[in-house]
Amino acid sequence: MSQVLDSYHQWLEGAWLTFRLTVFGGVLALVLALLFGLAGTARSGWVRALNRVYVEFFRGTATLVLLYWFFYALPLIGLRFTTLFAAILALGMNVGAYGAEVVRGSIKAVPQAQYEATVALNFSPFQRMRRVLLPQAFALMLPPFGNLLIELMKGTAIVSLVGLVDITHVSKNVQGSTGQTVWSFTVALVLYFVIAQVLQLFVRYAERRVDRMLGRRPSREPDLGTVAAGAPGAGVAG
């Protein structure tokens, strides 16, 4: 175990690269999700078609194949990317396709009465989306976005196949130099878990902030008296 921990500087560098890939890939995924998710709610059939092409292609393609495509195939036709940028593109475009469906579904889930109220107030389509629909839909997007962000973080393990020294790559290096297979991959598991918990805390914090902005308050667990008073057959004295 001590031999594995002696390589702490390698572990820290690998964890930092994994975190950077998660953040940059998550930002790209969020931008693409909002762009194509909004396109999926457009009135124009051509705009909605763009959403379907993007979502179906990148959602139906393995992230590893996308990475190889950006890193090995595109340079053959003159498009060259750095290894880090190719990894961010592959991760962000894949997860962004799932996120686009989350955005589209969340906007559609806003009650119809909210949309009708914006029409009655003579809001333009842009005002409807910016002031009413999107803020409420964003609260619905956050939990699934949090799940997608953690999935993206776990998906960064594939970048070791193109030479990036992330947590997975470090675990293989340490295992090869020390022979400590169990402890090497145990440390990798713990690091991935810690990063996932940090991301989850960030998402939970964002959820609370959005709820406060929308005037919502977290519900409290009812006490036994409240449950009994609201139970079927419970009458009101008086």
C-alpha atoms as a PDB file:
ATOM      1  CA  MET A   1       0.000   0.000   0.000  1.00  0.00           C
ATOM      2  CA  SER A   2       2.802   2.444   0.909  1.00  0.00           C
ATOM      3  CA  GLN A   3       4.393   1.917  -2.503  1.00  0.00           C
ATOM      4  CA  VAL A   4       1.144   2.903  -4.177  1.00  0.00           C
ATOM      5  CA  LEU A   5       0.707   6.020  -2.025  1.00  0.00           C
ATOM      6  CA  ASP A   6       4.315   7.049  -2.607  1.00  0.00           C
ATOM      7  CA  SER A   7       3.199   7.959  -6.134  1.00  0.00           C
ATOM      8  CA  TYR A   8       0.773  10.540  -4.725  1.00  0.00           C
ATOM      9  CA  HIS A   9       2.022  13.240  -7.101  1.00  0.00           C
ATOM     10  CA  GLN A  10       1.019  11.051 -10.064  1.00  0.00           C
ATOM     11  CA  TRP A  11      -2.396  10.427  -8.517  1.00  0.00           C
ATOM     12  CA  LEU A  12      -2.944  14.137  -7.982  1.00  0.00           C
ATOM     13  CA  GLU A  13      -1.973  14.977 -11.558  1.00  0.00           C
ATOM     14  CA  GLY A  14      -4.241  12.227 -12.886  1.00  0.00           C
ATOM     15  CA  ALA A  15      -7.138  13.411 -10.718  1.00  0.00           C
ATOM     16  CA  TRP A  16      -6.600  17.006 -11.854  1.00  0.00           C
ATOM     17  CA  LEU A  17      -6.721  15.966 -15.514  1.00  0.00           C
ATOM     18  CA  THR A  18      -9.875  13.925 -14.903  1.00  0.00           C
ATOM     19  CA  PHE A  19     -11.479  16.908 -13.195  1.00  0.00           C
ATOM     20  CA  ARG A  20     -10.508  19.270 -16.011  1.00  0.00           C
ATOM     21  CA  LEU A  21     -11.902  16.900 -18.631  1.00  0.00           C
ATOM     22  CA  THR A  22     -15.131  16.689 -16.642  1.00  0.00           C
ATOM     23  CA  VAL A  23     -15.492  20.458 -16.330  1.00  0.00           C
ATOM     24  CA  PHE A  24     -14.606  21.329 -19.929  1.00  0.00           C
ATOM     25  CA  GLY A  25     -16.590  18.424 -21.344  1.00  0.00           C
ATOM     26  CA  GLY A  26     -19.530  19.348 -19.103  1.00  0.00           C
ATOM     27  CA  VAL A  27     -19.506  22.962 -20.280  1.00  0.00           C
ATOM     28  CA  LEU A  28     -19.480  21.849 -23.924  1.00  0.00           C
ATOM     29  CA  ALA A  29     -22.252  19.342 -23.229  1.00  0.00           C
ATOM     30  CA  LEU A  30     -24.363  22.012 -21.500  1.00  0.00           C
ATOM     31  CA  VAL A  31     -24.007  24.466 -24.389  1.00  0.00           C
ATOM     32  CA  LEU A  32     -24.901  21.819 -26.959  1.00  0.00           C
ATOM     33  CA  ALA A  33     -27.771  20.523 -24.829  1.00  0.00           C
ATOM     34  CA  LEU A  34     -29.326  23.982 -24.512  1.00  0.00           C
ATOM     35  CA  LEU A  35     -28.812  24.790 -28.190  1.00  0.00           C
ATOM     36  CA  PHE A  36     -30.232  21.572 -29.606  1.00  0.00           C
ATOM     37  CA  GLY A  37     -32.766  21.115 -26.826  1.00  0.00           C
ATOM     38  CA  LEU A  38     -34.300  24.492 -27.648  1.00  0.00           C
ATOM     39  CA  ALA A  39     -34.160  23.545 -31.328  1.00  0.00           C
ATOM     40  CA  GLY A  40     -36.262  20.510 -30.461  1.00  0.00           C
ATOM     41  CA  THR A  41     -39.067  22.768 -29.226  1.00  0.00           C
ATOM     42  CA  ALA A  42     -39.047  25.087 -32.258  1.00  0.00           C
ATOM     43  CA  ARG A  43     -42.041  25.450 -34.527  1.00  0.00           C
ATOM     44  CA  SER A  44     -39.959  25.064 -37.672  1.00  0.00           C
ATOM     45  CA  GLY A  45     -39.689  21.502 -38.872  1.00  0.00           C
ATOM     46  CA  TRP A  46     -36.220  22.159 -40.273  1.00  0.00           C
ATOM     47  CA  VAL A  47     -34.943  23.342 -36.911  1.00  0.00           C
ATOM     48  CA  ARG A  48     -36.446  20.321 -35.162  1.00  0.00           C
ATOM     49  CA  ALA A  49     -34.810  18.122 -37.792  1.00  0.00           C
ATOM     50  CA  LEU A  50     -31.409  19.507 -36.772  1.00  0.00           C
ATOM     51  CA  ASN A  51     -32.153  18.441 -33.214  1.00  0.00           C
ATOM     52  CA  ARG A  52     -33.063  14.895 -34.292  1.00  0.00           C
ATOM     53  CA  VAL A  53     -29.975  14.484 -36.485  1.00  0.00           C
ATOM     54  CA  TYR A  54     -27.615  15.619 -33.732  1.00  0.00           C
ATOM     55  CA  VAL A  55     -29.307  13.633 -30.963  1.00  0.00           C
ATOM     56  CA  GLU A  56     -29.717  10.391 -32.880  1.00  0.00           C
ATOM     57  CA  PHE A  57     -26.195  10.430 -34.327  1.00  0.00           C
ATOM     58  CA  PHE A  58     -24.192  11.275 -31.219  1.00  0.00           C
ATOM     59  CA  ARG A  59     -26.440   9.411 -28.796  1.00  0.00           C
ATOM     60  CA  GLY A  60     -26.200   6.315 -30.952  1.00  0.00           C
ATOM     61  CA  THR A  61     -22.405   6.410 -31.276  1.00  0.00           C
ATOM     62  CA  ALA A  62     -19.962   4.999 -28.723  1.00  0.00           C
ATOM     63  CA  THR A  63     -17.870   7.660 -27.010  1.00  0.00           C
ATOM     64  CA  LEU A  64     -14.705   5.644 -27.558  1.00  0.00           C
ATOM     65  CA  VAL A  65     -15.370   5.475 -31.302  1.00  0.00           C
ATOM     66  CA  LEU A  66     -15.954   9.243 -31.352  1.00  0.00           C
ATOM     67  CA  LEU A  67     -12.645   9.742 -29.576  1.00  0.00           C
ATOM     68  CA  TYR A  68     -10.819   7.577 -32.093  1.00  0.00           C
ATOM     69  CA  TRP A  69     -12.614   9.419 -34.911  1.00  0.00           C
ATOM     70  CA  PHE A  70     -11.484  12.837 -33.674  1.00  0.00           C
ATOM     71  CA  PHE A  71      -7.987  11.693 -32.750  1.00  0.00           C
ATOM     72  CA  TYR A  72      -7.086   9.238 -35.547  1.00  0.00           C
ATOM     73  CA  ALA A  73      -9.500   9.692 -38.471  1.00  0.00           C
ATOM     74  CA  LEU A  74      -9.932  13.460 -38.850  1.00  0.00           C
ATOM     75  CA  PRO A  75      -6.166  14.181 -39.022  1.00  0.00           C
ATOM     76  CA  LEU A  76      -6.084  12.083 -42.205  1.00  0.00           C
ATOM     77  CA  ILE A  77      -8.245  14.702 -43.928  1.00  0.00           C
ATOM     78  CA  GLY A  78      -6.339  17.651 -42.482  1.00  0.00           C
ATOM     79  CA  LEU A  79      -8.288  18.331 -39.262  1.00  0.00           C
ATOM     80  CA  ARG A  80      -5.919  17.976 -36.336  1.00  0.00           C
ATOM     81  CA  PHE A  81      -6.772  18.429 -32.674  1.00  0.00           C
ATOM     82  CA  THR A  82      -4.715  18.185 -29.537  1.00  0.00           C
ATOM     83  CA  THR A  83      -5.336  15.029 -27.541  1.00  0.00           C
ATOM     84  CA  LEU A  84      -7.041  16.978 -24.765  1.00  0.00           C
ATOM     85  CA  PHE A  85      -9.326  18.851 -27.160  1.00  0.00           C
ATOM     86  CA  ALA A  86     -10.263  15.653 -29.023  1.00  0.00           C
ATOM     87  CA  ALA A  87     -11.213  14.055 -25.696  1.00  0.00           C
ATOM     88  CA  ILE A  88     -13.319  17.057 -24.676  1.00  0.00           C
ATOM     89  CA  LEU A  89     -15.110  17.027 -28.038  1.00  0.00           C
ATOM     90  CA  ALA A  90     -15.902  13.320 -27.845  1.00  0.00           C
ATOM     91  CA  LEU A  91     -17.177  13.463 -24.270  1.00  0.00           C
ATOM     92  CA  GLY A  92     -19.060  16.743 -24.642  1.00  0.00           C
ATOM     93  CA  MET A  93     -20.800  15.912 -27.908  1.00  0.00           C
ATOM     94  CA  ASN A  94     -21.902  12.497 -26.683  1.00  0.00           C
ATOM     95  CA  VAL A  95     -23.278  13.677 -23.350  1.00  0.00           C
ATOM     96  CA  GLY A  96     -24.709  16.815 -24.972  1.00  0.00           C
ATOM     97  CA  ALA A  97     -26.964  14.615 -27.103  1.00  0.00           C
ATOM     98  CA  TYR A  98     -28.504  13.092 -23.975  1.00  0.00           C
ATOM     99  CA  GLY A  99     -28.702  16.533 -22.404  1.00  0.00           C
ATOM    100  CA  ALA A 100     -30.573  17.925 -25.413  1.00  0.00           C
ATOM    101  CA  GLU A 101     -33.393  15.470 -24.741  1.00  0.00           C
ATOM    102  CA  VAL A 102     -33.398  16.494 -21.077  1.00  0.00           C
ATOM    103  CA  VAL A 103     -33.770  20.152 -22.092  1.00  0.00           C
ATOM    104  CA  ARG A 104     -36.512  19.425 -24.609  1.00  0.00           C
ATOM    105  CA  GLY A 105     -38.435  17.230 -22.174  1.00  0.00           C
ATOM    106  CA  SER A 106     -38.097  19.716 -19.314  1.00  0.00           C
ATOM    107  CA  ILE A 107     -39.461  22.580 -21.403  1.00  0.00           C
ATOM    108  CA  LYS A 108     -42.360  20.413 -22.524  1.00  0.00           C
ATOM    109  CA  ALA A 109     -43.021  19.509 -18.878  1.00  0.00           C
ATOM    110  CA  VAL A 110     -43.722  23.127 -17.862  1.00  0.00           C
ATOM    111  CA  PRO A 111     -47.493  23.332 -17.221  1.00  0.00           C
ATOM    112  CA  GLN A 112     -49.523  24.479 -20.206  1.00  0.00           C
ATOM    113  CA  ALA A 113     -51.137  27.149 -18.048  1.00  0.00           C
ATOM    114  CA  GLN A 114     -47.781  28.912 -17.796  1.00  0.00           C
ATOM    115  CA  TYR A 115     -47.501  29.090 -21.567  1.00  0.00           C
ATOM    116  CA  GLU A 116     -51.097  30.318 -21.895  1.00  0.00           C
ATOM    117  CA  ALA A 117     -50.409  33.053 -19.337  1.00  0.00           C
ATOM    118  CA  THR A 118     -47.454  34.327 -21.383  1.00  0.00           C
ATOM    119  CA  VAL A 119     -49.666  34.449 -24.465  1.00  0.00           C
ATOM    120  CA  ALA A 120     -52.303  36.381 -22.520  1.00  0.00           C
ATOM    121  CA  LEU A 121     -49.628  38.849 -21.417  1.00  0.00           C
ATOM    122  CA  ASN A 122     -48.604  39.305 -25.065  1.00  0.00           C
ATOM    123  CA  PHE A 123     -45.044  38.109 -24.512  1.00  0.00           C
ATOM    124  CA  SER A 124     -42.910  37.528 -27.559  1.00  0.00           C
ATOM    125  CA  PRO A 125     -41.623  33.942 -28.066  1.00  0.00           C
ATOM    126  CA  PHE A 126     -38.213  35.036 -26.776  1.00  0.00           C
ATOM    127  CA  GLN A 127     -39.732  36.644 -23.676  1.00  0.00           C
ATOM    128  CA  ARG A 128     -41.840  33.539 -23.000  1.00  0.00           C
ATOM    129  CA  MET A 129     -38.799  31.315 -23.089  1.00  0.00           C
ATOM    130  CA  ARG A 130     -36.428  33.591 -21.159  1.00  0.00           C
ATOM    131  CA  ARG A 131     -38.756  34.864 -18.439  1.00  0.00           C
ATOM    132  CA  VAL A 132     -41.151  31.992 -17.804  1.00  0.00           C
ATOM    133  CA  LEU A 133     -40.522  28.670 -19.499  1.00  0.00           C
ATOM    134  CA  LEU A 134     -36.742  28.275 -19.295  1.00  0.00           C
ATOM    135  CA  PRO A 135     -36.334  29.236 -15.593  1.00  0.00           C
ATOM    136  CA  GLN A 136     -38.948  26.663 -14.565  1.00  0.00           C
ATOM    137  CA  ALA A 137     -37.585  24.058 -16.948  1.00  0.00           C
ATOM    138  CA  PHE A 138     -34.067  24.625 -15.616  1.00  0.00           C
ATOM    139  CA  ALA A 139     -35.174  23.456 -12.178  1.00  0.00           C
ATOM    140  CA  LEU A 140     -36.383  20.224 -13.783  1.00  0.00           C
ATOM    141  CA  MET A 141     -33.143  19.816 -15.759  1.00  0.00           C
ATOM    142  CA  LEU A 142     -30.732  19.971 -12.837  1.00  0.00           C
ATOM    143  CA  PRO A 143     -31.180  16.461 -11.342  1.00  0.00           C
ATOM    144  CA  PRO A 144     -30.744  14.616 -14.675  1.00  0.00           C
ATOM    145  CA  PHE A 145     -27.927  17.017 -15.630  1.00  0.00           C
ATOM    146  CA  GLY A 146     -26.189  16.026 -12.410  1.00  0.00           C
ATOM    147  CA  ASN A 147     -26.437  12.368 -13.370  1.00  0.00           C
ATOM    148  CA  LEU A 148     -25.096  13.093 -16.845  1.00  0.00           C
ATOM    149  CA  LEU A 149     -22.174  15.052 -15.411  1.00  0.00           C
ATOM    150  CA  ILE A 150     -21.174  12.110 -13.228  1.00  0.00           C
ATOM    151  CA  GLU A 151     -21.534   9.751 -16.184  1.00  0.00           C
ATOM    152  CA  LEU A 152     -19.279  12.070 -18.189  1.00  0.00           C
ATOM    153  CA  MET A 153     -16.715  12.003 -15.376  1.00  0.00           C
ATOM    154  CA  LYS A 154     -16.696   8.221 -15.355  1.00  0.00           C
ATOM    155  CA  GLY A 155     -16.455   8.201 -19.132  1.00  0.00           C
ATOM    156  CA  THR A 156     -13.189  10.125 -18.981  1.00  0.00           C
ATOM    157  CA  ALA A 157     -11.465   6.794 -18.241  1.00  0.00           C
ATOM    158  CA  ILE A 158     -11.333   6.113 -21.987  1.00  0.00           C
ATOM    159  CA  VAL A 159      -8.886   8.965 -22.587  1.00  0.00           C
ATOM    160  CA  SER A 160      -6.065   6.795 -21.263  1.00  0.00           C
ATOM    161  CA  LEU A 161      -6.341   4.849 -24.542  1.00  0.00           C
ATOM    162  CA  VAL A 162      -5.038   7.869 -26.468  1.00  0.00           C
ATOM    163  CA  GLY A 163      -2.197   8.632 -24.083  1.00  0.00           C
ATOM    164  CA  LEU A 164      -3.702  11.130 -21.645  1.00  0.00           C
ATOM    165  CA  VAL A 165      -2.511  10.513 -18.103  1.00  0.00           C
ATOM    166  CA  ASP A 166      -5.765  10.483 -16.162  1.00  0.00           C
ATOM    167  CA  ILE A 167      -6.641   8.455 -13.055  1.00  0.00           C
ATOM    168  CA  THR A 168      -7.036   5.229 -15.017  1.00  0.00           C
ATOM    169  CA  HIS A 169      -3.716   5.705 -16.800  1.00  0.00           C
ATOM    170  CA  VAL A 170      -1.959   6.415 -13.491  1.00  0.00           C
ATOM    171  CA  SER A 171      -3.482   3.312 -11.893  1.00  0.00           C
ATOM    172  CA  LYS A 172      -2.078   1.160 -14.698  1.00  0.00           C
ATOM    173  CA  ASN A 173       1.339   2.804 -14.422  1.00  0.00           C
ATOM    174  CA  VAL A 174       1.481   2.352 -10.650  1.00  0.00           C
ATOM    175  CA  GLN A 175       0.237  -1.228 -10.904  1.00  0.00           C
ATOM    176  CA  GLY A 176       2.936  -2.010 -13.446  1.00  0.00           C
ATOM    177  CA  SER A 177       5.757  -0.434 -11.425  1.00  0.00           C
ATOM    178  CA  THR A 178       4.775  -1.766  -7.985  1.00  0.00           C
ATOM    179  CA  GLY A 179       2.898  -4.970  -8.742  1.00  0.00           C
ATOM    180  CA  GLN A 180       0.197  -3.853  -6.277  1.00  0.00           C
ATOM    181  CA  THR A 181      -2.849  -4.547  -8.441  1.00  0.00           C
ATOM    182  CA  VAL A 182      -5.496  -4.465  -5.708  1.00  0.00           C
ATOM    183  CA  TRP A 183      -4.300  -1.264  -4.035  1.00  0.00           C
ATOM    184  CA  SER A 184      -3.589   0.546  -7.310  1.00  0.00           C
ATOM    185  CA  PHE A 185      -7.127   0.117  -8.599  1.00  0.00           C
ATOM    186  CA  THR A 186      -8.609   0.655  -5.140  1.00  0.00           C
ATOM    187  CA  VAL A 187      -7.043   4.119  -5.028  1.00  0.00           C
ATOM    188  CA  ALA A 188      -8.439   4.794  -8.502  1.00  0.00           C
ATOM    189  CA  LEU A 189     -11.916   3.755  -7.345  1.00  0.00           C
ATOM    190  CA  VAL A 190     -11.710   6.045  -4.324  1.00  0.00           C
ATOM    191  CA  LEU A 191     -10.570   9.023  -6.412  1.00  0.00           C
ATOM    192  CA  TYR A 192     -13.420   8.592  -8.892  1.00  0.00           C
ATOM    193  CA  PHE A 193     -15.855   8.298  -5.991  1.00  0.00           C
ATOM    194  CA  VAL A 194     -14.541  11.475  -4.326  1.00  0.00           C
ATOM    195  CA  ILE A 195     -14.798  13.481  -7.557  1.00  0.00           C
ATOM    196  CA  ALA A 196     -18.348  12.191  -8.090  1.00  0.00           C
ATOM    197  CA  GLN A 197     -19.346  13.324  -4.594  1.00  0.00           C
ATOM    198  CA  VAL A 198     -17.879  16.783  -5.177  1.00  0.00           C
ATOM    199  CA  LEU A 199     -19.868  17.090  -8.395  1.00  0.00           C
ATOM    200  CA  GLN A 200     -23.009  15.869  -6.634  1.00  0.00           C
ATOM    201  CA  LEU A 201     -22.601  18.477  -3.896  1.00  0.00           C
ATOM    202  CA  PHE A 202     -22.273  21.177  -6.543  1.00  0.00           C
ATOM    203  CA  VAL A 203     -25.459  20.032  -8.284  1.00  0.00           C
ATOM    204  CA  ARG A 204     -27.382  19.898  -4.988  1.00  0.00           C
ATOM    205  CA  TYR A 205     -26.216  23.422  -4.191  1.00  0.00           C
ATOM    206  CA  ALA A 206     -27.358  24.613  -7.638  1.00  0.00           C
ATOM    207  CA  GLU A 207     -30.750  22.961  -7.106  1.00  0.00           C
ATOM    208  CA  ARG A 208     -31.259  24.825  -3.828  1.00  0.00           C
ATOM    209  CA  ARG A 209     -30.244  28.113  -5.410  1.00  0.00           C
ATOM    210  CA  VAL A 210     -32.658  27.669  -8.307  1.00  0.00           C
ATOM    211  CA  ASP A 211     -35.470  26.691  -5.934  1.00  0.00           C
ATOM    212  CA  ARG A 212     -34.912  29.873  -3.926  1.00  0.00           C
ATOM    213  CA  MET A 213     -34.843  31.974  -7.092  1.00  0.00           C
ATOM    214  CA  LEU A 214     -38.190  30.500  -8.107  1.00  0.00           C
ATOM    215  CA  GLY A 215     -39.664  31.112  -4.658  1.00  0.00           C
ATOM    216  CA  ARG A 216     -39.821  27.445  -3.748  1.00  0.00           C
ATOM    217  CA  ARG A 217     -39.111  26.044  -0.317  1.00  0.00           C
ATOM    218  CA  PRO A 218     -37.947  22.516   0.459  1.00  0.00           C
ATOM    219  CA  SER A 219     -40.734  20.417   1.845  1.00  0.00           C
ATOM    220  CA  ARG A 220     -40.370  19.174   5.424  1.00  0.00           C
ATOM    221  CA  GLU A 221     -41.223  15.747   6.698  1.00  0.00           C
ATOM    222  CA  PRO A 222     -44.700  15.880   8.285  1.00  0.00           C
ATOM    223  CA  ASP A 223     -44.949  15.035  11.966  1.00  0.00           C
ATOM    224  CA  LEU A 224     -47.279  12.320  13.292  1.00  0.00           C
ATOM    225  CA  GLY A 225     -49.952  14.848  14.207  1.00  0.00           C
ATOM    226  CA  THR A 226     -50.069  16.221  10.670  1.00  0.00           C
ATOM    227  CA  VAL A 227     -50.235  12.757   9.184  1.00  0.00           C
ATOM    228  CA  ALA A 228     -53.047  11.749  11.547  1.00  0.00           C
ATOM    229  CA  ALA A 229     -54.991  14.955  10.854  1.00  0.00           C
ATOM    230  CA  GLY A 230     -54.739  14.412   7.120  1.00  0.00           C
ATOM    231  CA  ALA A 231     -55.497  10.697   7.211  1.00  0.00           C
ATOM    232  CA  PRO A 232     -58.675   9.411   5.538  1.00  0.00           C
ATOM    233  CA  GLY A 233     -61.577   9.612   7.959  1.00  0.00           C
ATOM    234  CA  ALA A 234     -59.934  12.161  10.208  1.00  0.00           C
ATOM    235  CA  GLY A 235     -62.424  14.887  10.917  1.00  0.00           C
ATOM    236  CA  VAL A 236     -62.030  18.484  12.088  1.00  0.00           C
ATOM    237  CA  ALA A 237     -63.322  19.152  15.528  1.00  0.00           C
ATOM    238  CA  GLY A 238     -65.521  22.148  15.969  1.00  0.00           C
END
